[in-house]
Amino acid sequence: MSHPLGNPPSKIIAVHLNFRSRAEERGRTPAHPSYFLKPPSSLAGTQEAIVRPRGCQLMGFEGEIALVIGSRARRVRPEDGWRHVRWVTAANDAGVYDLRYADRGSNLRSKGADGFTPIGPRLLDATELDPDALRLRTWVNGEPAQDDTTDTLLFPFGELVADLSRLVTLEPGDVILTGTPAGSSVVGPGDVVEVEVDDGRLSTGVLRNPIADADHDLEPWGAQPRTDRAEEESAYGSGYVPEPLLAEDLADGLRSVAVATLSAQMRSRGLPHMSIDGVRPVSGTALVGVAHTLRYLPLREDLFKRYGTGMNAQKRAVEELRPGHVLVMDARRDATAGTLGDILALRAARRGAAGVVTDGAVRDAAAIAGLGLPVYAAGRHPSVLGRRHVPWDTGVPIACGGALVQPGDLIVGDADGVVVVPPDLAEELIADCREQERQERFITEQVAAGESLDGLYPLGPTWRDAYENWCKGETQ
């Protein structure tokens, strides 16, 4: 691989999040920079192809500004950090999201494959540049994809050098990839990614790299590519349009029938324990969605600091929500502490959640009611969850209000309560519910006209012909 550095650096260090626009896109703003390493063998130059391994679909590009260290940096101060930078150039921090799971945290194979760090084409003298006045632009197939400036950085370049040098000696030639702005997404074979850095006077020129497919299968030993909805969302960024969790016609069908009817139909199929008992609407009533689960365990004070603070399972569950999810919480039917407050409910609504169901209590009930998010709970309580609960894990089978709920189950609620619907039964349940409700409309009309219940409710053979004639009239 050819690149403008000549000799390979001792290390390439990449920053996770640094541009404010990217942090907003990701929905989190770090208090301090964090990093990962890329091997020097990942370096490439302009015009060289970035090769996507066979079996991978989520090839991501990230236009970045690369700093090349000019003098040894060890425990330098932030105000002195920029003096240790010799060159500035353009870079593409490429990677395949299909392999992130295999080296979670290190990104070794997903970001470190040969040719996954093209830089260039020209090196700009750092002494001639204002580090706070650089512009980074990225194009895909000639169309603008990223455009941002270094006055929006969370962590200025001098601070990055100083922070790293507290524990890691930076040697001449080392490369720091300083983060990507919003707009990075997925590319495939045949696409061309271009990156340029300039200050209005000087330019790195355009770093141009086509995307190619590997000419061989990935060897069968070791981790193989795989992906899921979360990785797809992460890879596509703001351009991600997820497939709906629940087909709209199925959702409409579930909305069209009463929870009481669904309960009766499931009971007739030998499923009498599908209702989430003891929960009542706090806000809204109509609820249809796909279960995402959260489990609380009883409070244990010595474990709460480890499991109950920071980005705990409760907060992770909310951040894991996708449009159409219903967050279902197992609080062991203990309504003597809040399991949801207004801020988390607001975040769930912003994530596109279809609703929340908890067999514990909610706090800030009036504020939650104003969000328009359907929320069902076993009660209201002013206390925070730490009075009774430790948020333990997400995405696991749980018990909520006496019902077993698995991730992916369908959740349907109305003024009568909430039921769990097995996905594989949904279509036939809707058809049978509609027939049951049609019969009940007929029966209601007859009772209102003074007819006896005998043989009418439930509909018996003596009323069958009258019912069928009534149905013909209803369809005309």
Protein backbone atom coordinates (compact mmCIF):
# COMPACT_ATOMS: atom_id res chain seq x y z
CA MET A 1 0.00 0.00 0.00
CA SER A 2 1.33 3.47 -0.89
CA HIS A 3 0.59 6.51 1.22
CA PRO A 4 2.22 9.92 1.77
CA LEU A 5 3.93 8.99 5.06
CA GLY A 6 6.53 6.77 3.47
CA ASN A 7 7.58 4.82 6.56
CA PRO A 8 4.73 3.24 8.54
CA PRO A 9 3.89 4.83 11.91
CA SER A 10 4.30 2.94 15.14
CA LYS A 11 0.55 3.30 15.74
CA ILE A 12 -2.69 4.77 14.42
CA ILE A 13 -5.04 6.05 17.11
CA ALA A 14 -8.68 6.83 16.27
CA VAL A 15 -11.10 8.92 18.31
CA HIS A 16 -14.61 7.54 18.76
CA LEU A 17 -16.69 10.75 18.98
CA ASN A 18 -15.39 14.27 18.50
CA PHE A 19 -17.58 16.33 16.18
CA ARG A 20 -20.62 17.77 17.92
CA SER A 21 -22.82 16.90 14.92
CA ARG A 22 -21.81 13.23 15.18
CA ALA A 23 -22.48 13.18 18.92
CA GLU A 24 -25.96 14.56 18.30
CA GLU A 25 -26.51 11.97 15.57
CA ARG A 26 -25.45 9.20 17.96
CA GLY A 27 -27.53 10.60 20.82
CA ARG A 28 -24.68 10.82 23.33
CA THR A 29 -22.00 13.36 24.17
CA PRO A 30 -18.94 11.99 25.97
CA ALA A 31 -17.34 13.89 28.82
CA HIS A 32 -13.87 12.77 27.71
CA PRO A 33 -12.42 11.43 24.45
CA SER A 34 -12.12 7.67 23.97
CA TYR A 35 -9.96 5.84 21.44
CA PHE A 36 -9.21 2.64 19.60
CA LEU A 37 -6.13 1.48 17.68
CA LYS A 38 -5.81 0.66 13.99
CA PRO A 39 -2.79 -1.31 12.75
CA PRO A 40 -0.28 0.45 10.47
CA SER A 41 -1.01 -2.25 7.87
CA SER A 42 -4.46 -0.66 7.39
CA LEU A 43 -2.89 2.43 5.76
CA ALA A 44 -3.49 3.10 2.08
CA GLY A 45 -3.24 6.01 -0.32
CA THR A 46 -5.48 7.82 -2.74
CA GLN A 47 -6.95 5.89 -5.69
CA GLU A 48 -6.45 2.58 -3.86
CA ALA A 49 -9.55 0.43 -3.52
CA ILE A 50 -11.08 -0.22 -0.12
CA VAL A 51 -11.95 -3.91 -0.32
CA ARG A 52 -15.12 -5.10 1.38
CA PRO A 53 -14.79 -8.69 2.65
CA ARG A 54 -17.22 -11.11 1.08
CA GLY A 55 -20.26 -11.70 3.23
CA CYS A 56 -20.17 -8.17 4.65
CA GLN A 57 -22.92 -5.72 3.69
CA LEU A 58 -22.34 -2.76 6.01
CA MET A 59 -19.18 -1.09 4.66
CA GLY A 60 -18.97 2.29 6.39
CA PHE A 61 -16.98 5.38 5.41
CA GLU A 62 -15.93 8.15 7.81
CA GLY A 63 -14.21 11.23 6.47
CA GLU A 64 -11.70 12.46 9.05
CA ILE A 65 -8.83 14.86 9.65
CA ALA A 66 -5.59 12.98 10.33
CA LEU A 67 -2.80 14.45 12.46
CA VAL A 68 0.75 13.19 11.97
CA ILE A 69 2.99 13.60 15.01
CA GLY A 70 6.28 15.38 14.33
CA SER A 71 8.07 15.28 17.68
CA ARG A 72 7.92 12.87 20.58
CA ALA A 73 5.06 13.71 22.96
CA ARG A 74 5.08 12.46 26.53
CA ARG A 75 2.94 14.12 29.24
CA VAL A 76 2.49 17.37 27.33
CA ARG A 77 -0.03 20.04 28.33
CA PRO A 78 -3.12 20.83 26.19
CA GLU A 79 -1.76 24.25 25.26
CA ASP A 80 1.40 22.55 23.96
CA GLY A 81 -0.23 19.63 22.17
CA TRP A 82 -0.55 21.25 18.74
CA ARG A 83 3.21 21.97 18.66
CA HIS A 84 3.83 18.22 18.43
CA VAL A 85 1.78 17.90 15.22
CA ARG A 86 3.88 18.06 12.04
CA TRP A 87 1.38 17.32 9.29
CA VAL A 88 -2.35 17.39 8.66
CA THR A 89 -4.05 15.34 5.95
CA ALA A 90 -7.38 13.80 4.93
CA ALA A 91 -8.36 10.27 5.98
CA ASN A 92 -11.15 7.77 5.62
CA ASP A 93 -11.69 5.68 8.73
CA ALA A 94 -13.38 2.82 6.88
CA GLY A 95 -14.81 -0.30 8.46
CA VAL A 96 -17.37 -3.10 8.24
CA TYR A 97 -20.07 -3.13 10.90
CA ASP A 98 -20.74 -6.80 10.15
CA LEU A 99 -17.64 -7.74 12.21
CA ARG A 100 -17.92 -5.27 15.10
CA TYR A 101 -19.41 -7.91 17.38
CA ALA A 102 -16.33 -10.10 16.96
CA ASP A 103 -13.94 -7.62 18.60
CA ARG A 104 -16.35 -5.46 20.55
CA GLY A 105 -14.44 -2.44 21.83
CA SER A 106 -11.18 -3.01 19.98
CA ASN A 107 -12.61 -2.83 16.42
CA LEU A 108 -9.56 -4.78 15.28
CA ARG A 109 -11.04 -6.71 12.37
CA SER A 110 -13.98 -4.40 11.65
CA LYS A 111 -11.76 -1.29 11.33
CA GLY A 112 -8.24 -2.66 10.99
CA ALA A 113 -8.28 -4.68 7.77
CA ASP A 114 -5.65 -3.98 5.15
CA GLY A 115 -6.44 -0.76 3.29
CA PHE A 116 -9.12 0.43 5.74
CA THR A 117 -7.24 3.68 6.54
CA PRO A 118 -6.52 5.59 3.35
CA ILE A 119 -4.88 9.00 3.92
CA GLY A 120 -3.63 11.83 1.71
CA PRO A 121 -3.03 12.75 -0.96
CA ARG A 122 -0.99 15.72 0.37
CA LEU A 123 0.41 16.56 3.79
CA LEU A 124 -0.21 20.10 5.03
CA ASP A 125 2.36 21.78 7.25
CA ALA A 126 0.70 22.15 10.66
CA THR A 127 2.67 25.33 11.42
CA GLU A 128 0.81 27.06 8.59
CA LEU A 129 -2.65 26.05 9.81
CA ASP A 130 -5.11 27.24 12.44
CA PRO A 131 -6.35 23.97 14.00
CA ASP A 132 -9.68 25.60 14.85
CA ALA A 133 -10.35 26.75 11.28
CA LEU A 134 -10.19 23.59 9.17
CA ARG A 135 -12.99 22.28 7.00
CA LEU A 136 -13.65 18.61 6.36
CA ARG A 137 -15.78 17.47 3.42
CA THR A 138 -16.74 14.02 2.14
CA TRP A 139 -18.48 13.03 -1.09
CA VAL A 140 -19.95 9.70 -2.23
CA ASN A 141 -20.19 9.32 -5.99
CA GLY A 142 -19.79 13.07 -6.29
CA GLU A 143 -22.67 13.86 -3.92
CA PRO A 144 -21.92 15.75 -0.66
CA ALA A 145 -22.15 13.46 2.39
CA GLN A 146 -20.25 15.29 5.17
CA ASP A 147 -19.31 18.93 5.71
CA ASP A 148 -18.12 20.30 9.05
CA THR A 149 -15.49 22.54 10.61
CA THR A 150 -13.11 22.12 13.51
CA ASP A 151 -14.62 24.96 15.51
CA THR A 152 -17.35 22.45 16.44
CA LEU A 153 -15.03 19.83 17.93
CA LEU A 154 -15.80 18.47 21.38
CA PHE A 155 -12.08 17.95 22.02
CA PRO A 156 -9.59 20.25 20.21
CA PHE A 157 -6.52 18.72 18.61
CA GLY A 158 -4.10 19.95 21.25
CA GLU A 159 -6.26 18.39 23.96
CA LEU A 160 -6.25 15.03 22.16
CA VAL A 161 -2.45 15.01 21.95
CA ALA A 162 -2.15 15.95 25.62
CA ASP A 163 -4.73 13.42 26.77
CA LEU A 164 -3.09 10.55 24.91
CA SER A 165 0.39 11.56 26.00
CA ARG A 166 -0.50 11.21 29.67
CA LEU A 167 -0.09 7.44 29.33
CA VAL A 168 0.92 6.70 25.73
CA THR A 169 4.11 8.12 24.25
CA LEU A 170 3.42 9.53 20.80
CA GLU A 171 6.31 8.98 18.43
CA PRO A 172 7.14 10.91 15.24
CA GLY A 173 5.03 9.57 12.39
CA ASP A 174 2.19 8.37 14.61
CA VAL A 175 -1.26 9.14 13.20
CA ILE A 176 -4.30 10.38 15.11
CA LEU A 177 -7.68 10.13 13.38
CA THR A 178 -9.66 12.89 15.04
CA GLY A 179 -13.28 11.78 14.56
CA THR A 180 -15.93 12.06 11.88
CA PRO A 181 -18.85 14.49 11.61
CA ALA A 182 -22.48 13.54 10.99
CA GLY A 183 -23.34 12.01 7.64
CA SER A 184 -21.24 8.88 7.40
CA SER A 185 -23.17 5.93 6.04
CA VAL A 186 -22.90 2.71 4.05
CA VAL A 187 -21.26 2.23 0.65
CA GLY A 188 -20.82 -0.77 -1.59
CA PRO A 189 -18.75 -2.04 -4.50
CA GLY A 190 -18.74 0.49 -7.34
CA ASP A 191 -19.13 3.50 -5.04
CA VAL A 192 -16.39 6.11 -4.75
CA VAL A 193 -15.64 8.00 -1.51
CA GLU A 194 -13.73 11.30 -1.61
CA VAL A 195 -12.44 13.30 1.36
CA GLU A 196 -10.78 16.73 1.46
CA VAL A 197 -9.44 18.95 4.24
CA ASP A 198 -8.69 22.65 3.71
CA ASP A 199 -8.47 25.97 5.52
CA GLY A 200 -9.66 28.16 2.65
CA ARG A 201 -6.09 28.61 1.36
CA LEU A 202 -4.36 25.26 1.59
CA SER A 203 -5.87 21.91 0.70
CA THR A 204 -4.89 18.27 1.11
CA GLY A 205 -6.35 17.63 -2.31
CA VAL A 206 -9.06 15.02 -2.71
CA LEU A 207 -8.46 11.59 -1.19
CA ARG A 208 -10.30 9.32 -3.61
CA ASN A 209 -10.99 5.64 -2.97
CA PRO A 210 -13.30 3.28 -4.86
CA ILE A 211 -15.06 0.50 -2.97
CA ALA A 212 -14.44 -3.01 -4.29
CA ASP A 213 -15.61 -6.49 -3.37
CA ALA A 214 -13.05 -9.07 -2.32
CA ASP A 215 -12.10 -11.63 -4.96
CA HIS A 216 -12.25 -14.50 -2.48
CA ASP A 217 -14.53 -15.81 0.24
CA LEU A 218 -13.66 -15.05 3.83
CA GLU A 219 -11.96 -18.11 5.28
CA PRO A 220 -14.34 -20.25 7.37
CA TRP A 221 -12.25 -20.25 10.53
CA GLY A 222 -12.83 -17.39 12.94
CA ALA A 223 -15.81 -15.06 13.32
CA GLN A 224 -18.08 -14.66 10.30
CA PRO A 225 -19.98 -11.53 9.28
CA ARG A 226 -23.34 -10.98 10.92
CA THR A 227 -25.56 -8.01 11.56
CA ASP A 228 -28.73 -6.95 13.32
CA ARG A 229 -31.07 -3.99 13.41
CA ALA A 230 -28.91 -2.05 15.89
CA GLU A 231 -25.80 -2.42 13.72
CA GLU A 232 -27.74 -1.39 10.63
CA GLU A 233 -28.96 1.75 12.40
CA SER A 234 -25.44 2.53 13.57
CA ALA A 235 -23.96 1.94 10.11
CA TYR A 236 -26.46 3.97 8.12
CA GLY A 237 -26.57 6.82 10.65
CA SER A 238 -29.08 9.57 9.98
CA GLY A 239 -29.89 7.99 6.61
CA TYR A 240 -31.17 4.80 8.23
CA VAL A 241 -34.79 3.98 7.48
CA PRO A 242 -35.59 0.85 9.48
CA GLU A 243 -38.11 -1.68 8.38
CA PRO A 244 -41.16 -1.47 10.64
CA LEU A 245 -41.08 -3.86 13.57
CA LEU A 246 -44.71 -4.71 12.88
CA ALA A 247 -46.32 -4.75 9.45
CA GLU A 248 -48.83 -1.92 9.22
CA ASP A 249 -51.70 -4.15 8.09
CA LEU A 250 -51.12 -6.42 11.09
CA ALA A 251 -50.92 -3.43 13.43
CA ASP A 252 -54.15 -2.04 11.96
CA GLY A 253 -55.81 -5.42 12.43
CA LEU A 254 -54.84 -5.56 16.10
CA ARG A 255 -56.08 -2.00 16.60
CA SER A 256 -59.41 -2.93 15.05
CA VAL A 257 -60.35 -5.51 17.69
CA ALA A 258 -60.95 -5.24 21.42
CA VAL A 259 -58.53 -6.57 24.00
CA ALA A 260 -61.42 -8.43 25.63
CA THR A 261 -62.10 -10.23 22.35
CA LEU A 262 -58.43 -11.10 21.91
CA SER A 263 -58.38 -12.47 25.45
CA ALA A 264 -61.43 -14.63 24.77
CA GLN A 265 -60.01 -15.98 21.54
CA MET A 266 -56.70 -16.86 23.15
CA ARG A 267 -58.50 -18.54 26.03
CA SER A 268 -60.41 -20.67 23.51
CA ARG A 269 -57.02 -21.79 22.17
CA GLY A 270 -55.83 -22.91 25.60
CA LEU A 271 -54.00 -19.68 26.44
CA PRO A 272 -55.83 -18.25 29.48
CA HIS A 273 -52.83 -16.48 31.04
CA MET A 274 -52.04 -13.86 28.40
CA SER A 275 -53.32 -10.77 30.19
CA ILE A 276 -50.94 -8.46 32.05
CA ASP A 277 -52.94 -8.18 35.24
CA GLY A 278 -53.20 -5.14 37.47
CA VAL A 279 -52.09 -2.47 34.99
CA ARG A 280 -54.25 0.53 34.10
CA PRO A 281 -53.70 3.36 31.64
CA VAL A 282 -51.77 6.36 32.92
CA SER A 283 -51.97 8.05 29.54
CA GLY A 284 -53.68 7.04 26.34
CA THR A 285 -55.36 3.69 25.86
CA ALA A 286 -54.82 2.41 22.32
CA LEU A 287 -51.60 0.41 22.41
CA VAL A 288 -50.17 -1.90 19.73
CA GLY A 289 -46.50 -2.76 19.41
CA VAL A 290 -43.66 -5.23 19.78
CA ALA A 291 -42.29 -6.09 23.20
CA HIS A 292 -38.85 -4.95 24.33
CA THR A 293 -38.27 -6.15 27.87
CA LEU A 294 -36.63 -4.83 31.05
CA ARG A 295 -36.28 -6.80 34.29
CA TYR A 296 -35.91 -5.37 37.79
CA LEU A 297 -34.71 -7.42 40.74
CA PRO A 298 -35.38 -6.68 44.42
CA LEU A 299 -33.23 -3.96 45.92
CA ARG A 300 -29.91 -5.06 47.34
CA GLU A 301 -28.05 -2.04 48.62
CA ASP A 302 -24.55 -3.46 48.08
CA LEU A 303 -25.32 -4.10 44.39
CA PHE A 304 -27.28 -0.97 43.55
CA LYS A 305 -24.21 1.21 43.03
CA ARG A 306 -22.87 -1.28 40.48
CA TYR A 307 -26.11 -2.03 38.64
CA GLY A 308 -28.42 0.85 39.42
CA THR A 309 -26.38 3.94 38.59
CA GLY A 310 -24.91 5.43 35.43
CA MET A 311 -26.03 3.93 32.13
CA ASN A 312 -27.90 1.15 33.88
CA ALA A 313 -30.23 -1.44 32.37
CA GLN A 314 -33.23 0.87 32.71
CA LYS A 315 -31.58 3.62 30.64
CA ARG A 316 -30.12 1.11 28.19
CA ALA A 317 -33.57 -0.36 27.64
CA VAL A 318 -34.91 3.06 26.70
CA GLU A 319 -31.98 3.75 24.35
CA GLU A 320 -32.50 0.35 22.72
CA LEU A 321 -36.09 1.17 21.78
CA ARG A 322 -36.98 1.29 18.09
CA PRO A 323 -40.09 2.79 16.50
CA GLY A 324 -42.95 0.43 17.29
CA HIS A 325 -41.44 -1.07 20.45
CA VAL A 326 -43.43 -1.35 23.66
CA LEU A 327 -41.14 -1.27 26.69
CA VAL A 328 -42.48 -3.97 29.04
CA MET A 329 -41.10 -3.88 32.59
CA ASP A 330 -41.05 -6.67 35.15
CA ALA A 331 -41.16 -5.02 38.57
CA ARG A 332 -42.50 -8.10 40.37
CA ARG A 333 -45.90 -6.36 40.80
CA ASP A 334 -44.33 -4.04 43.35
CA ALA A 335 -45.98 -0.64 42.93
CA THR A 336 -44.28 0.98 45.93
CA ALA A 337 -41.58 2.69 43.86
CA GLY A 338 -41.47 4.38 40.48
CA THR A 339 -40.14 2.42 37.52
CA LEU A 340 -40.67 5.21 34.94
CA GLY A 341 -40.47 9.00 35.22
CA ASP A 342 -41.21 11.83 32.86
CA ILE A 343 -37.67 12.13 31.43
CA LEU A 344 -37.38 8.46 30.50
CA ALA A 345 -40.93 8.49 29.14
CA LEU A 346 -40.04 11.51 27.01
CA ARG A 347 -36.93 9.75 25.69
CA ALA A 348 -38.99 6.64 24.91
CA ALA A 349 -41.43 8.80 22.96
CA ARG A 350 -38.58 10.46 21.07
CA ARG A 351 -37.19 7.03 20.22
CA GLY A 352 -40.54 6.23 18.58
CA ALA A 353 -41.82 3.81 21.20
CA ALA A 354 -45.43 2.65 20.83
CA GLY A 355 -45.88 2.63 24.61
CA VAL A 356 -44.72 1.42 28.02
CA VAL A 357 -46.19 -1.25 30.30
CA THR A 358 -44.98 -1.81 33.87
CA ASP A 359 -46.40 -3.89 36.69
CA GLY A 360 -44.70 -1.43 39.03
CA ALA A 361 -45.50 2.24 39.56
CA VAL A 362 -44.77 5.39 37.61
CA ARG A 363 -43.80 8.77 39.01
CA ASP A 364 -44.39 12.19 37.42
CA ALA A 365 -47.74 10.78 36.27
CA ALA A 366 -49.20 14.15 35.26
CA ALA A 367 -46.19 14.95 33.08
CA ILE A 368 -46.27 11.49 31.51
CA ALA A 369 -49.96 11.91 30.72
CA GLY A 370 -49.12 15.03 28.74
CA LEU A 371 -46.68 13.24 26.41
CA GLY A 372 -49.29 11.37 24.41
CA LEU A 373 -47.35 8.12 24.89
CA PRO A 374 -49.58 5.19 25.91
CA VAL A 375 -48.39 4.10 29.36
CA TYR A 376 -49.92 1.39 31.53
CA ALA A 377 -48.85 0.89 35.15
CA ALA A 378 -49.92 -0.85 38.33
CA GLY A 379 -49.94 2.43 40.24
CA ARG A 380 -48.39 5.80 40.90
CA HIS A 381 -45.70 6.47 43.47
CA PRO A 382 -43.42 9.45 44.17
CA SER A 383 -40.35 7.36 45.02
CA VAL A 384 -37.49 6.59 42.64
CA LEU A 385 -36.87 2.97 41.71
CA GLY A 386 -33.92 2.66 44.11
CA ARG A 387 -36.40 2.33 46.98
CA ARG A 388 -37.37 -1.15 45.82
CA HIS A 389 -35.71 -2.16 42.57
CA VAL A 390 -32.36 -2.79 40.90
CA PRO A 391 -32.52 -2.51 37.07
CA TRP A 392 -30.89 -5.77 36.04
CA ASP A 393 -31.13 -6.73 32.37
CA THR A 394 -32.91 -6.12 29.08
CA GLY A 395 -34.05 -8.16 26.12
CA VAL A 396 -34.83 -11.29 28.17
CA PRO A 397 -38.06 -13.19 28.89
CA ILE A 398 -39.81 -11.61 31.87
CA ALA A 399 -42.96 -11.91 33.99
CA CYS A 400 -45.13 -8.78 33.88
CA GLY A 401 -48.41 -8.76 35.74
CA GLY A 402 -48.41 -12.56 35.86
CA ALA A 403 -47.85 -12.98 32.11
CA LEU A 404 -44.74 -14.37 30.47
CA VAL A 405 -43.48 -11.82 27.94
CA GLN A 406 -40.74 -12.61 25.46
CA PRO A 407 -38.93 -9.99 23.37
CA GLY A 408 -40.80 -9.83 20.06
CA ASP A 409 -44.22 -10.70 21.48
CA LEU A 410 -47.04 -8.43 20.40
CA ILE A 411 -48.55 -6.17 23.05
CA VAL A 412 -52.10 -4.84 22.68
CA GLY A 413 -53.88 -2.54 25.12
CA ASP A 414 -57.13 -0.63 25.44
CA ALA A 415 -59.32 0.66 28.26
CA ASP A 416 -59.88 -2.90 29.53
CA GLY A 417 -56.18 -3.67 29.96
CA VAL A 418 -53.22 -5.24 28.16
CA VAL A 419 -52.70 -8.67 26.60
CA VAL A 420 -49.70 -10.49 25.15
CA VAL A 421 -50.28 -11.89 21.65
CA PRO A 422 -48.02 -14.60 20.19
CA PRO A 423 -46.84 -13.27 16.80
CA ASP A 424 -47.54 -16.52 14.97
CA LEU A 425 -51.20 -16.43 16.05
CA ALA A 426 -51.87 -12.78 15.29
CA GLU A 427 -53.43 -13.07 11.85
CA GLU A 428 -55.85 -15.87 12.72
CA LEU A 429 -56.73 -14.15 16.00
CA ILE A 430 -57.64 -10.97 14.15
CA ALA A 431 -59.92 -12.88 11.75
CA ASP A 432 -61.64 -14.77 14.56
CA CYS A 433 -61.93 -11.65 16.71
CA ARG A 434 -63.64 -9.80 13.88
CA GLU A 435 -66.10 -12.63 13.46
CA GLN A 436 -66.75 -12.75 17.20
CA GLU A 437 -67.33 -9.00 17.36
CA ARG A 438 -69.64 -9.19 14.34
CA GLN A 439 -71.70 -11.82 16.13
CA GLU A 440 -71.76 -9.71 19.28
CA ARG A 441 -73.08 -6.70 17.34
CA PHE A 442 -75.90 -8.87 16.04
CA ILE A 443 -76.61 -10.25 19.50
CA THR A 444 -76.60 -6.74 20.98
CA GLU A 445 -79.21 -5.62 18.47
CA GLN A 446 -81.45 -8.56 19.35
CA VAL A 447 -81.12 -8.04 23.10
CA ALA A 448 -81.88 -4.33 22.64
CA ALA A 449 -85.03 -5.38 20.77
CA GLY A 450 -86.14 -7.47 23.75
CA GLU A 451 -84.98 -10.97 22.79
CA SER A 452 -84.06 -13.54 25.44
CA LEU A 453 -80.44 -14.64 25.87
CA ASP A 454 -81.45 -18.30 25.61
CA GLY A 455 -79.91 -19.70 22.43
CA LEU A 456 -78.79 -16.22 21.39
CA TYR A 457 -75.76 -15.62 23.58
CA PRO A 458 -73.57 -17.35 22.67
CA LEU A 459 -75.01 -17.60 19.19
CA GLY A 460 -76.81 -20.94 18.82
CA PRO A 461 -78.17 -22.87 15.82
CA THR A 462 -81.65 -21.42 16.17
CA TRP A 463 -80.31 -17.97 15.40
CA ARG A 464 -77.78 -18.97 12.74
CA ASP A 465 -79.95 -18.27 9.69
CA ALA A 466 -81.07 -14.91 11.07
CA TYR A 467 -77.46 -14.00 11.74
CA GLU A 468 -76.31 -14.93 8.23
CA ASN A 469 -79.10 -12.86 6.70
CA TRP A 470 -78.10 -9.99 8.98
CA CYS A 471 -74.49 -10.30 7.81
CA LYS A 472 -75.58 -10.03 4.18
CA GLY A 473 -77.40 -6.83 4.96
CA GLU A 474 -74.36 -5.44 6.81
CA THR A 475 -72.12 -5.95 3.79
CA GLN A 476 -74.47 -4.32 1.31
